[in-house]
Protein backbone atom coordinates (compact mmCIF):
# COMPACT_ATOMS: atom_id res chain seq x y z
CA UNK A 1 9.87 26.97 -5.77
CA UNK A 2 13.61 26.67 -6.58
CA UNK A 3 14.05 25.16 -9.96
CA UNK A 4 16.23 22.16 -10.30
CA UNK A 5 19.64 22.36 -11.62
CA UNK A 6 19.94 21.73 -15.33
CA UNK A 7 21.66 18.25 -16.16
CA UNK A 8 25.38 18.58 -16.54
CA UNK A 9 26.98 18.04 -19.71
CA UNK A 10 28.90 14.91 -19.56
CA UNK A 11 32.40 14.80 -20.08
CA UNK A 12 34.09 14.15 -23.42
CA UNK A 13 35.84 11.07 -22.54
CA UNK A 14 34.14 8.84 -19.86
CA UNK A 15 34.49 5.19 -19.15
CA UNK A 16 31.58 2.72 -19.13
CA UNK A 17 31.80 2.72 -15.30
CA UNK A 18 30.97 6.32 -14.33
CA UNK A 19 30.76 5.39 -10.81
CA UNK A 20 33.48 3.08 -9.18
CA UNK A 21 32.83 1.66 -5.93
CA UNK A 22 35.59 0.52 -3.61
CA UNK A 23 36.79 -2.78 -4.17
CA UNK A 24 35.45 -4.17 -0.86
CA UNK A 25 32.06 -3.17 -2.35
CA UNK A 26 31.57 -4.59 -6.00
CA UNK A 27 28.10 -3.00 -6.46
CA UNK A 28 27.22 -1.81 -9.87
CA UNK A 29 28.60 1.07 -11.55
CA UNK A 30 26.41 3.26 -13.77
CA UNK A 31 26.75 3.27 -17.62
CA UNK A 32 27.83 6.35 -19.49
CA UNK A 33 25.00 8.86 -19.65
CA UNK A 34 23.46 9.08 -23.06
CA UNK A 35 24.43 12.06 -25.54
CA UNK A 36 22.07 13.90 -25.76
CA UNK A 37 20.03 12.72 -22.87
CA UNK A 38 17.21 10.33 -24.18
CA UNK A 39 13.61 11.25 -23.48
CA UNK A 40 12.43 9.77 -20.12
CA UNK A 41 11.09 6.16 -20.63
CA UNK A 42 7.69 5.30 -18.99
CA UNK A 43 7.54 4.65 -15.28
CA UNK A 44 7.26 1.31 -13.67
CA UNK A 45 3.60 0.15 -14.35
CA UNK A 46 2.78 -3.55 -13.42
CA UNK A 47 -1.11 -2.88 -13.21
CA UNK A 48 -2.57 -3.96 -16.52
CA UNK A 49 -3.89 -1.32 -18.92
CA UNK A 50 -7.79 -0.76 -18.82
CA UNK A 51 -9.57 -0.56 -22.15
CA UNK A 52 -11.68 2.60 -22.77
CA UNK A 53 -15.46 2.15 -22.59
CA UNK A 54 -16.95 1.53 -25.86
CA UNK A 55 -18.99 4.23 -27.53
CA UNK A 56 -22.62 4.18 -27.11
CA UNK A 57 -24.78 3.75 -30.11
CA UNK A 58 -24.93 6.57 -32.23
CA UNK A 59 -28.43 5.72 -33.39
CA UNK A 60 -30.72 7.90 -31.07
CA UNK A 61 -34.30 8.23 -32.16
CA UNK A 62 -35.94 11.80 -31.73
CA UNK A 63 -37.76 11.94 -28.40
CA UNK A 64 -40.26 14.45 -27.22
CA UNK A 65 -39.22 17.85 -25.83
CA UNK A 66 -40.36 16.59 -22.21
CA UNK A 67 -38.02 13.56 -22.31
CA UNK A 68 -35.04 15.55 -23.56
CA UNK A 69 -35.52 18.14 -20.81
CA UNK A 70 -35.89 15.59 -18.27
CA UNK A 71 -32.67 13.91 -19.38
CA UNK A 72 -31.04 17.34 -19.32
CA UNK A 73 -32.00 17.82 -15.84
CA UNK A 74 -30.74 14.22 -14.90
CA UNK A 75 -27.37 15.15 -16.13
CA UNK A 76 -27.10 18.41 -14.16
CA UNK A 77 -28.20 16.71 -11.05
CA UNK A 78 -25.79 13.98 -11.45
CA UNK A 79 -22.99 16.49 -12.09
CA UNK A 80 -24.02 18.36 -8.95
CA UNK A 81 -23.99 15.21 -6.91
CA UNK A 82 -27.73 15.59 -6.13
CA UNK A 83 -28.20 11.93 -5.93
CA UNK A 84 -31.77 11.51 -4.34
CA UNK A 85 -33.28 14.04 -6.70
CA UNK A 86 -31.69 12.39 -9.71
CA UNK A 87 -33.04 8.98 -8.35
CA UNK A 88 -36.71 10.43 -8.25
CA UNK A 89 -36.23 11.59 -11.84
CA UNK A 90 -35.03 8.35 -13.06
CA UNK A 91 -37.95 6.89 -11.42
CA UNK A 92 -40.21 8.96 -13.70
CA UNK A 93 -38.22 8.12 -16.77
CA UNK A 94 -38.37 4.39 -16.21
CA UNK A 95 -41.84 4.50 -17.53
CA UNK A 96 -40.99 5.30 -20.99
CA UNK A 97 -41.23 2.62 -23.58
CA UNK A 98 -38.73 2.35 -25.01
CA UNK A 99 -36.48 4.10 -22.55
CA UNK A 100 -34.76 7.03 -23.82
CA UNK A 101 -31.27 6.27 -25.27
CA UNK A 102 -30.08 9.96 -24.33
CA UNK A 103 -30.71 8.99 -20.71
CA UNK A 104 -28.27 6.27 -20.92
CA UNK A 105 -25.11 8.26 -20.39
CA UNK A 106 -26.34 10.07 -17.39
CA UNK A 107 -27.79 7.11 -15.84
CA UNK A 108 -24.33 5.50 -16.06
CA UNK A 109 -22.81 8.22 -14.37
CA UNK A 110 -25.48 8.38 -11.77
CA UNK A 111 -25.05 4.60 -11.32
CA UNK A 112 -21.12 5.10 -10.66
CA UNK A 113 -21.66 7.91 -8.19
CA UNK A 114 -24.20 5.72 -6.40
CA UNK A 115 -21.97 2.91 -6.15
CA UNK A 116 -19.18 4.94 -4.93
CA UNK A 117 -21.24 6.00 -2.14
CA UNK A 118 -22.09 2.41 -1.23
CA UNK A 119 -25.78 2.43 -2.69
CA UNK A 120 -25.70 -0.47 -5.06
CA UNK A 121 -29.14 -1.25 -4.49
CA UNK A 122 -30.25 2.18 -5.59
CA UNK A 123 -27.96 2.00 -8.50
CA UNK A 124 -29.41 -1.37 -9.72
CA UNK A 125 -32.81 0.61 -9.78
CA UNK A 126 -31.38 2.86 -12.12
CA UNK A 127 -30.85 0.44 -14.86
CA UNK A 128 -34.43 0.24 -15.67
CA UNK A 129 -34.21 3.76 -17.24
CA UNK A 130 -31.31 2.78 -19.26
CA UNK A 131 -32.69 0.29 -21.63
CA UNK A 132 -30.18 -2.18 -23.70
CA UNK A 133 -27.27 0.04 -22.94
CA UNK A 134 -23.88 -1.76 -22.21
CA UNK A 135 -22.09 1.21 -20.72
CA UNK A 136 -24.85 1.52 -18.11
CA UNK A 137 -24.60 -2.44 -17.43
CA UNK A 138 -20.81 -2.13 -17.23
CA UNK A 139 -20.92 0.76 -14.83
CA UNK A 140 -23.02 -1.55 -12.56
CA UNK A 141 -20.82 -4.51 -12.81
CA UNK A 142 -18.12 -2.14 -11.95
CA UNK A 143 -19.85 -1.03 -9.11
CA UNK A 144 -20.68 -4.37 -7.80
CA UNK A 145 -17.00 -5.46 -7.90
CA UNK A 146 -15.89 -2.34 -6.21
CA UNK A 147 -18.43 -3.15 -3.48
CA UNK A 148 -17.04 -6.65 -3.20
CA UNK A 149 -20.40 -8.06 -4.52
CA UNK A 150 -18.86 -10.20 -6.76
CA UNK A 151 -21.60 -12.88 -7.04
CA UNK A 152 -24.05 -10.10 -7.77
CA UNK A 153 -21.75 -8.98 -10.51
CA UNK A 154 -21.70 -12.52 -12.18
CA UNK A 155 -25.46 -12.77 -12.04
CA UNK A 156 -25.81 -9.40 -13.51
CA UNK A 157 -23.50 -10.52 -16.19
CA UNK A 158 -25.31 -13.61 -16.77
CA UNK A 159 -28.46 -11.96 -17.18
CA UNK A 160 -27.88 -8.76 -19.38
CA UNK A 161 -30.31 -8.04 -21.84
CA UNK A 162 -27.52 -6.83 -24.19
CA UNK A 163 -24.45 -8.74 -25.20
CA UNK A 164 -21.63 -8.22 -22.77
CA UNK A 165 -18.51 -6.94 -24.30
CA UNK A 166 -14.66 -7.36 -23.53
CA UNK A 167 -14.99 -4.28 -21.10
CA UNK A 168 -17.87 -6.02 -19.23
CA UNK A 169 -15.74 -9.23 -18.83
CA UNK A 170 -12.63 -7.40 -17.96
CA UNK A 171 -14.14 -5.55 -15.29
CA UNK A 172 -15.53 -8.84 -13.59
CA UNK A 173 -12.40 -10.67 -14.17
CA UNK A 174 -10.31 -8.02 -12.46
CA UNK A 175 -12.87 -7.82 -9.70
CA UNK A 176 -12.48 -11.71 -9.01
CA UNK A 177 -8.71 -11.70 -9.41
CA UNK A 178 -8.57 -8.77 -6.89
CA UNK A 179 -10.29 -10.84 -4.14
CA UNK A 180 -7.99 -13.98 -4.88
CA UNK A 181 -11.01 -15.89 -6.82
CA UNK A 182 -8.49 -16.82 -9.58
CA UNK A 183 -10.55 -20.18 -10.52
CA UNK A 184 -13.79 -18.09 -10.83
CA UNK A 185 -12.13 -15.76 -13.15
CA UNK A 186 -10.96 -18.40 -15.09
CA UNK A 187 -14.54 -19.76 -15.47
CA UNK A 188 -15.67 -16.53 -16.49
CA UNK A 189 -13.13 -16.44 -19.07
CA UNK A 190 -14.65 -19.73 -20.37
CA UNK A 191 -18.11 -18.41 -20.25
CA UNK A 192 -16.71 -15.35 -22.37
CA UNK A 193 -15.47 -17.60 -25.09
CA UNK A 194 -18.66 -19.59 -24.98
CA UNK A 195 -20.62 -16.74 -25.51
CA UNK A 196 -18.56 -15.53 -28.62
CA UNK A 197 -16.96 -12.39 -26.82
CA UNK A 198 -13.15 -12.79 -27.80
CA UNK A 199 -10.79 -12.02 -24.92
CA UNK A 200 -8.34 -9.24 -25.67
CA UNK A 201 -4.84 -8.73 -24.18
CA UNK A 202 -6.29 -6.82 -21.08
CA UNK A 203 -8.04 -9.88 -20.22
CA UNK A 204 -5.13 -12.38 -20.38
CA UNK A 205 -3.16 -9.63 -18.72
CA UNK A 206 -5.21 -9.60 -15.55
CA UNK A 207 -5.44 -13.56 -15.56
CA UNK A 208 -1.59 -13.87 -15.91
CA UNK A 209 -0.98 -11.46 -13.13
CA UNK A 210 -3.34 -13.26 -10.77
CA UNK A 211 -2.02 -16.75 -11.90
CA UNK A 212 1.51 -15.76 -11.26
CA UNK A 213 0.66 -14.49 -7.54
CA UNK A 214 -1.73 -17.66 -6.89
CA UNK A 215 -0.08 -20.70 -8.91
CA UNK A 216 3.28 -19.40 -9.81
CA UNK A 217 4.73 -18.41 -13.00
CA UNK A 218 5.08 -21.86 -14.58
CA UNK A 219 1.16 -22.09 -14.45
CA UNK A 220 1.07 -18.51 -16.05
CA UNK A 221 3.37 -19.68 -18.66
CA UNK A 222 0.68 -22.43 -19.82
CA UNK A 223 -1.90 -19.58 -19.95
CA UNK A 224 0.47 -17.56 -21.92
CA UNK A 225 0.73 -20.34 -24.55
CA UNK A 226 -3.11 -20.54 -24.66
CA UNK A 227 -3.26 -16.90 -25.30
CA UNK A 228 -0.98 -17.11 -28.09
CA UNK A 229 -2.84 -20.08 -29.43
CA UNK A 230 -5.94 -18.38 -29.38
CA UNK A 231 -4.64 -15.53 -31.60
CA UNK A 232 -4.29 -12.85 -29.02
CA UNK A 233 -0.63 -11.42 -29.29
CA UNK A 234 0.81 -10.44 -25.86
CA UNK A 235 2.31 -7.01 -25.64
CA UNK A 236 5.16 -5.52 -23.41
CA UNK A 237 2.89 -5.10 -20.41
CA UNK A 238 1.80 -8.53 -20.61
CA UNK A 239 5.14 -9.90 -20.82
CA UNK A 240 6.28 -7.72 -17.87
CA UNK A 241 3.58 -8.90 -15.60
CA UNK A 242 5.08 -12.42 -16.21
CA UNK A 243 8.54 -11.33 -15.91
CA UNK A 244 7.57 -9.66 -12.53
CA UNK A 245 5.87 -12.78 -11.43
CA UNK A 246 9.12 -14.75 -11.94
CA UNK A 247 11.34 -12.45 -10.03
CA UNK A 248 8.67 -12.51 -7.17
CA UNK A 249 9.53 -16.22 -6.87
CA UNK A 250 13.34 -15.15 -6.72
CA UNK A 251 13.92 -16.93 -9.94
CA UNK A 252 16.18 -14.24 -11.28
CA UNK A 253 18.10 -16.58 -13.58
CA UNK A 254 14.76 -17.62 -15.44
CA UNK A 255 13.83 -13.80 -15.44
CA UNK A 256 17.08 -12.78 -17.22
CA UNK A 257 16.44 -15.60 -19.89
CA UNK A 258 12.75 -14.72 -20.24
CA UNK A 259 14.18 -11.19 -21.04
CA UNK A 260 16.70 -12.37 -23.31
CA UNK A 261 14.06 -14.21 -25.39
CA UNK A 262 11.67 -11.19 -25.77
CA UNK A 263 12.59 -10.31 -29.00
CA UNK A 264 11.99 -13.98 -30.22
CA UNK A 265 8.44 -13.73 -29.04
CA UNK A 266 8.27 -10.33 -31.21
CA UNK A 267 8.46 -7.84 -28.46
CA UNK A 268 11.35 -5.76 -27.74
CA UNK A 269 11.98 -5.18 -23.79
CA UNK A 270 11.57 -1.57 -22.55
CA UNK A 271 13.02 0.03 -19.35
CA UNK A 272 10.30 -1.35 -17.03
CA UNK A 273 11.32 -4.85 -18.15
CA UNK A 274 14.98 -4.26 -17.41
CA UNK A 275 14.03 -2.56 -13.99
CA UNK A 276 12.00 -5.55 -12.96
CA UNK A 277 14.86 -7.77 -13.45
CA UNK A 278 17.33 -5.17 -11.71
CA UNK A 279 15.00 -5.17 -8.79
CA UNK A 280 15.50 -8.88 -8.58
CA UNK A 281 19.04 -8.97 -8.84
CA UNK A 282 19.37 -6.17 -6.27
CA UNK A 283 17.36 -8.28 -3.94
CA UNK A 284 19.56 -11.37 -4.59
CA UNK A 285 22.61 -8.67 -4.12
CA UNK A 286 24.09 -10.04 -7.50
CA UNK A 287 25.85 -6.64 -8.03
CA UNK A 288 28.06 -7.74 -10.87
CA UNK A 289 25.23 -9.18 -12.94
CA UNK A 290 23.10 -5.86 -12.11
CA UNK A 291 25.84 -3.73 -13.59
CA UNK A 292 26.17 -5.68 -16.63
CA UNK A 293 22.39 -5.47 -17.33
CA UNK A 294 22.48 -1.85 -16.69
CA UNK A 295 25.15 -1.60 -19.51
CA UNK A 296 23.12 -3.71 -21.66
CA UNK A 297 19.84 -1.73 -21.08
CA UNK A 298 21.86 1.33 -22.22
CA UNK A 299 23.32 -0.20 -25.22
CA UNK A 300 19.83 -1.35 -26.27
CA UNK A 301 17.95 2.08 -26.48
CA UNK A 302 16.69 1.47 -22.75
CA UNK A 303 18.51 4.21 -20.81
CA UNK A 304 18.02 3.83 -16.88
CA UNK A 305 15.08 6.03 -15.59
CA UNK A 306 14.54 7.68 -12.36
CA UNK A 307 12.87 4.60 -11.22
CA UNK A 308 16.08 2.58 -11.77
CA UNK A 309 18.24 4.96 -9.79
CA UNK A 310 15.71 4.97 -7.00
CA UNK A 311 15.82 1.24 -6.63
CA UNK A 312 19.75 1.31 -6.65
CA UNK A 313 19.66 4.04 -4.17
CA UNK A 314 17.29 2.27 -1.71
CA UNK A 315 19.37 -0.99 -1.96
CA UNK A 316 22.58 0.63 -1.30
CA UNK A 317 21.06 2.48 1.76
CA UNK A 318 19.70 -0.75 3.09
CA UNK A 319 23.18 -2.31 3.04
CA UNK A 320 24.34 1.02 4.94
CA UNK A 321 26.30 2.36 2.00
CA UNK A 322 25.35 5.89 1.96
CA UNK A 323 28.10 7.49 0.40
CA UNK A 324 27.94 5.29 -2.72
CA UNK A 325 24.12 6.01 -2.81
CA UNK A 326 24.82 9.63 -2.55
CA UNK A 327 27.20 9.39 -5.52
CA UNK A 328 24.19 7.78 -7.64
CA UNK A 329 21.84 10.48 -6.66
CA UNK A 330 24.34 12.75 -7.94
CA UNK A 331 24.69 11.26 -11.21
CA UNK A 332 20.87 11.19 -11.95
CA UNK A 333 20.64 14.59 -13.55
CA UNK A 334 23.39 13.48 -16.18
CA UNK A 335 21.08 10.79 -17.43
CA UNK A 336 18.14 13.20 -18.12
CA UNK A 337 16.12 12.30 -15.21
CA UNK A 338 15.06 14.56 -12.18
CA UNK A 339 15.36 13.00 -8.66
CA UNK A 340 12.14 12.92 -6.83
CA UNK A 341 11.17 12.20 -3.11
CA UNK A 342 11.60 8.50 -3.43
CA UNK A 343 15.16 9.17 -4.63
CA UNK A 344 16.11 11.44 -1.25
CA UNK A 345 13.97 9.50 1.34
CA UNK A 346 16.31 6.23 1.40
CA UNK A 347 19.21 8.48 2.30
CA UNK A 348 17.32 10.59 4.61
CA UNK A 349 16.09 7.41 6.50
CA UNK A 350 19.92 6.08 6.57
CA UNK A 351 20.91 9.50 8.30
CA UNK A 352 18.35 9.18 10.64
CA UNK A 353 19.16 5.57 11.39
CA UNK A 354 22.78 6.27 11.96
CA UNK A 355 21.50 9.18 14.37
CA UNK A 356 22.94 11.89 12.37
CA UNK A 357 20.12 14.19 12.92
CA UNK A 358 22.10 17.56 11.83
CA UNK A 359 23.07 15.80 8.64
CA UNK A 360 19.35 14.65 8.01
CA UNK A 361 18.11 18.29 8.35
CA UNK A 362 20.59 19.58 6.12
CA UNK A 363 19.56 16.95 3.63
CA UNK A 364 16.23 18.31 3.82
CA UNK A 365 17.27 21.68 2.89
CA UNK A 366 19.38 20.32 0.15
CA UNK A 367 16.07 18.55 -1.28
CA UNK A 368 14.14 21.97 -1.23
CA UNK A 369 17.18 24.01 -2.82
CA UNK A 370 16.97 21.30 -5.47
CA UNK A 371 13.21 22.02 -6.15
CA UNK A 372 12.35 18.56 -4.62
CA UNK A 373 9.92 19.21 -1.68
CA UNK A 374 9.83 16.49 1.25
CA UNK A 375 6.56 14.53 1.28
CA UNK A 376 4.71 13.08 4.39
CA UNK A 377 7.19 10.19 4.33
CA UNK A 378 10.19 12.37 4.60
CA UNK A 379 8.70 14.42 7.34
CA UNK A 380 7.63 11.23 9.24
CA UNK A 381 10.95 9.85 9.04
CA UNK A 382 12.16 12.93 10.74
CA UNK A 383 9.62 12.65 13.49
CA UNK A 384 10.33 9.14 14.21
CA UNK A 385 13.98 9.84 14.49
CA UNK A 386 13.85 13.00 16.58
CA UNK A 387 11.24 11.25 19.05
CA UNK A 388 13.97 8.24 19.33
CA UNK A 389 16.52 10.56 19.67
CA UNK A 390 14.77 12.29 22.68
CA UNK A 391 14.29 15.34 20.95
CA UNK A 392 10.52 15.60 21.42
CA UNK A 393 10.24 19.22 21.59
CA UNK A 394 11.78 19.74 18.13
CA UNK A 395 9.54 16.95 16.80
CA UNK A 396 6.50 18.88 18.25
CA UNK A 397 7.77 22.14 16.55
CA UNK A 398 8.35 20.28 13.25
CA UNK A 399 4.74 18.74 13.54
CA UNK A 400 3.32 22.39 13.72
CA UNK A 401 5.33 23.61 10.79
CA UNK A 402 4.24 20.83 8.36
CA UNK A 403 0.92 22.58 7.15
CA UNK A 404 3.09 25.70 6.40
CA UNK A 405 5.70 23.57 4.66
CA UNK A 406 2.81 22.24 2.13
CA UNK A 407 2.60 18.91 3.86
CA UNK A 408 -0.55 18.26 6.18
CA UNK A 409 0.29 15.93 9.09
CA UNK A 410 -1.39 12.44 9.04
CA UNK A 411 -2.62 10.19 11.63
CA UNK A 412 1.03 8.31 11.77
CA UNK A 413 2.57 11.62 12.27
CA UNK A 414 0.42 12.47 15.36
CA UNK A 415 0.92 8.61 16.48
CA UNK A 416 4.67 9.08 16.40
CA UNK A 417 5.15 12.25 18.27
CA UNK A 418 2.30 11.12 20.96
CA UNK A 419 4.43 7.81 21.44
CA UNK A 420 7.72 10.19 21.86
CA UNK A 421 5.96 12.28 24.50
CA UNK A 422 4.71 9.31 26.65
CA UNK A 423 8.09 7.56 26.47
CA UNK A 424 9.60 10.99 27.46
CA UNK A 425 7.20 11.04 30.62
CA UNK A 426 5.19 13.75 29.02
CA UNK A 427 1.53 12.22 28.90
CA UNK A 428 -0.21 15.44 29.70
CA UNK A 429 1.43 17.07 26.39
CA UNK A 430 0.60 13.81 24.76
CA UNK A 431 -3.22 14.21 25.79
CA UNK A 432 -3.14 17.83 24.65
CA UNK A 433 -1.73 16.33 21.39
CA UNK A 434 -4.57 13.88 20.91
CA UNK A 435 -7.27 16.47 21.47
CA UNK A 436 -5.45 18.67 19.00
CA UNK A 437 -5.26 15.90 16.38
CA UNK A 438 -9.20 15.11 16.89
CA UNK A 439 -9.90 18.82 16.47
CA UNK A 440 -8.38 18.81 13.08
CA UNK A 441 -10.47 15.90 11.85
CA UNK A 442 -8.09 12.90 12.54
CA UNK A 443 -9.74 9.98 14.17
CA UNK A 444 -7.34 8.13 16.70
CA UNK A 445 -6.86 4.44 16.18
CA UNK A 446 -5.77 1.62 18.30
CA UNK A 447 -2.30 2.39 18.07
CA UNK A 448 -2.96 5.97 19.54
CA UNK A 449 -4.98 4.90 22.46
CA UNK A 450 -2.56 2.12 23.13
CA UNK A 451 0.17 4.57 23.17
CA UNK A 452 -1.98 6.88 25.64
CA UNK A 453 -2.73 4.00 27.96
CA UNK A 454 0.87 2.84 28.09
CA UNK A 455 1.94 6.50 28.86
CA UNK A 456 -0.80 6.69 31.63
CA UNK A 457 0.40 3.32 33.13
CA UNK A 458 4.18 4.44 33.23
CA UNK A 459 2.83 7.27 35.22
CA UNK A 460 0.84 4.97 37.75
CA UNK A 461 -2.49 6.75 36.36
CA UNK A 462 -4.15 3.37 35.99
CA UNK A 463 -7.60 4.54 36.34
CA UNK A 464 -7.20 6.92 33.73
CA UNK A 465 -5.81 4.19 31.53
CA UNK A 466 -8.80 2.02 32.35
CA UNK A 467 -11.17 4.84 31.00
CA UNK A 468 -9.06 5.06 27.94
CA UNK A 469 -9.60 0.96 27.64
CA UNK A 470 -13.24 1.61 28.03
CA UNK A 471 -13.53 4.35 25.40
CA UNK A 472 -11.72 2.26 22.85
CA UNK A 473 -14.53 -0.57 23.61
CA UNK A 474 -17.35 2.05 23.26
CA UNK A 475 -16.01 2.97 19.83
CA UNK A 476 -16.27 -0.39 18.84
CA UNK A 477 -12.33 -0.90 18.54
CA UNK A 478 -11.40 -4.28 19.73
CA UNK A 479 -8.63 -3.85 22.33
CA UNK A 480 -5.39 -5.69 21.15
CA UNK A 481 -3.07 -7.80 23.45
CA UNK A 482 -0.54 -4.79 23.44
CA UNK A 483 -3.36 -2.64 25.08
CA UNK A 484 -4.22 -5.42 27.56
CA UNK A 485 -0.58 -6.08 28.34
CA UNK A 486 0.14 -2.25 29.18
CA UNK A 487 -2.60 -2.12 31.69
CA UNK A 488 -1.79 -5.45 33.24
CA UNK A 489 1.94 -4.29 33.74
CA UNK A 490 0.36 -1.18 35.39
CA UNK A 491 -1.65 -3.27 37.75
CA UNK A 492 1.06 -5.51 38.63
CA UNK A 493 3.47 -2.87 39.49
CA UNK A 494 0.75 -1.32 41.79
CA UNK A 495 0.92 -4.78 43.51
CA UNK A 496 -2.72 -5.16 42.23
CA UNK A 497 -2.09 -8.82 40.91
CA UNK A 498 -5.70 -9.81 41.77
CA UNK A 499 -7.02 -7.14 39.34
CA UNK A 500 -4.44 -7.99 37.05
CA UNK A 501 -5.93 -11.74 36.92
CA UNK A 502 -9.25 -10.48 36.57
CA UNK A 503 -8.51 -8.50 33.37
CA UNK A 504 -6.58 -11.41 32.08
CA UNK A 505 -9.72 -13.72 32.46
CA UNK A 506 -11.72 -10.90 30.78
CA UNK A 507 -9.23 -10.77 28.04
CA UNK A 508 -9.57 -14.45 27.27
CA UNK A 509 -13.26 -14.39 27.45
CA UNK A 510 -13.28 -11.60 24.91
CA UNK A 511 -11.20 -13.64 22.31
CA UNK A 512 -7.78 -11.79 22.61
CA UNK A 513 -5.03 -14.33 22.88
CA UNK A 514 -2.35 -13.62 25.40
CA UNK A 515 1.35 -13.73 24.29
CA UNK A 516 4.50 -14.67 25.94
CA UNK A 517 4.75 -10.96 27.32
CA UNK A 518 1.39 -11.27 28.90
CA UNK A 519 2.24 -14.38 30.92
CA UNK A 520 5.82 -12.79 31.67
CA UNK A 521 4.01 -9.81 33.14
CA UNK A 522 1.78 -12.12 35.29
CA UNK A 523 4.49 -14.14 36.78
CA UNK A 524 6.59 -11.21 37.64
CA UNK A 525 3.56 -9.50 39.27
CA UNK A 526 2.86 -12.51 41.47
CA UNK A 527 6.62 -12.55 42.33
CA UNK A 528 6.78 -9.04 42.97
CA UNK A 529 3.87 -8.98 45.37
CA UNK A 530 5.58 -11.76 47.31
CA UNK A 531 3.39 -14.61 46.15
CA UNK A 532 6.66 -16.56 45.13
CA UNK A 533 5.19 -20.10 45.37
CA UNK A 534 2.20 -19.19 43.16
CA UNK A 535 4.66 -17.48 40.64
CA UNK A 536 6.68 -20.67 40.72
CA UNK A 537 3.60 -22.98 39.76
CA UNK A 538 2.38 -20.71 37.36
CA UNK A 539 6.04 -20.66 35.62
CA UNK A 540 6.13 -24.29 35.63
CA UNK A 541 2.62 -24.94 34.12
CA UNK A 542 3.23 -22.48 31.28
CA UNK A 543 6.68 -24.08 30.69
CA UNK A 544 5.55 -27.51 30.61
CA UNK A 545 2.78 -26.42 28.06
CA UNK A 546 5.21 -24.98 25.94
CA UNK A 547 3.27 -21.56 26.29
CA UNK A 548 6.35 -19.52 27.15
CA UNK A 549 10.11 -20.19 26.71
CA UNK A 550 11.98 -20.53 30.17
CA UNK A 551 15.07 -19.01 28.86
CA UNK A 552 13.27 -15.97 27.93
CA UNK A 553 11.59 -15.78 31.23
CA UNK A 554 15.05 -16.08 33.11
CA UNK A 555 15.69 -12.43 32.64
CA UNK A 556 12.87 -11.48 34.59
CA UNK A 557 10.61 -13.56 36.68
CA UNK A 558 13.06 -16.49 37.29
CA UNK A 559 15.72 -14.14 38.78
CA UNK A 560 13.14 -12.47 41.03
CA UNK A 561 11.99 -16.01 41.95
CA UNK A 562 15.45 -17.04 43.07
CA UNK A 563 15.51 -13.95 45.53
CA UNK A 564 14.18 -13.48 48.84
CA UNK A 565 10.19 -13.26 49.26
CA UNK A 566 9.02 -9.85 49.39
CA UNK A 567 6.14 -8.91 51.52
């Protein structure tokens, strides 16, 4: 792996605006690099921190040698993943009275592994051998939440033989909030206070993030005030969650005011705080304000980090301003940061969008030469562009090289090339690639089969397309309107409108709602088969019911209906 070039030394005299964009594009210039480069500040993390598990009780009474050896065997079985043998051993330990405290740790580990395997009922059995151990119960609560069994988790917390701690409640509250049940989570907070367990900063941070999503940041501000009133001091992660909620609502001015007031709340903003507001400013295309804020963050000891630069590059590329984005990329090392794939990928996508494939390929080589190896997103971007550009053979070659490049292809990689092959009239090669994909352990999805069926229909291989349709149903996958439309179009092109109408009826009976394209295909199919009167009647009914837009239909079916009747 080639080493990244060392950061270039900043010039002795450098203006505040390192990068000056053309006057027609007033985008933010970068502040002068630090001297010397500051250590990299933390990355952008909006997910609340998770408190560590509380330590199990240190008071462990002496047990018999047999129970000690059984506990050790349990620990080994759990470590090896031999869950059924571990369960049988736990059943034998459950008869001990009182339960062995030494077994609590291995039992908690077993509960986690069983829940991760979807065996929450078996995990619940294990609690009998754990005694009054809060760590084991916390593992079970986490297992229920991970499986979406939130009501079971609530019942378990209510009936715990040992007092739940903050971690117990935080796990449950996080699970409820993750499923959009914020009101239930707030009820758990009330129960937590009623039982004398004080919420910590993690508790409130989880709730604040959920409240911002569900009820808006103004409601979150009330919860923030309640948090302070109860003596729980918010930290910078808490404030960043609220800041992000404000920006998500597009209230960038409010976010800037909140950011400015953070020191008065006893909390200095960090680089993450500034990045959140910068993202809001970039989204609103308020480039001058973004430039001022970047200068402010540098002056206040929060220099831009790679996340800051990546956001700026991404937003410039979305506006088609590739050259300014390239200039930003070149400046990143001067700030003590190392560009990563998220720095390069927006530029790669921009080159591909402009159909500059030679430049895109050269850009990938540049990435590698600088020690930043392309990821699967980089390669999928190239595959998509090559297929759209008609270079399907090059795309296949690249797909087969991915493993050697240290990046195994994923489902979307194969789907992209299969789509390119079918559109190029190479359905035979697409089917071969489908077989290859399955042989490598990748399970095709509805997109894969829809693409194959569409390709077969384009080549008038309707019977094979219908077999693909049947295979989708046999696999328990529900066909989409896109798949139905592909076969309907193939049947209509064959002048088998009667079969198309039968398939349309089957589609409705199976709960798949047609879209405007479905009706367009049927009207055009009737007209193409010479059934002009029927086509006009169907079109009139559809338009009168507001099912289709007549203006949209004029490009196809209506134009055909105005012509001579076909026989």
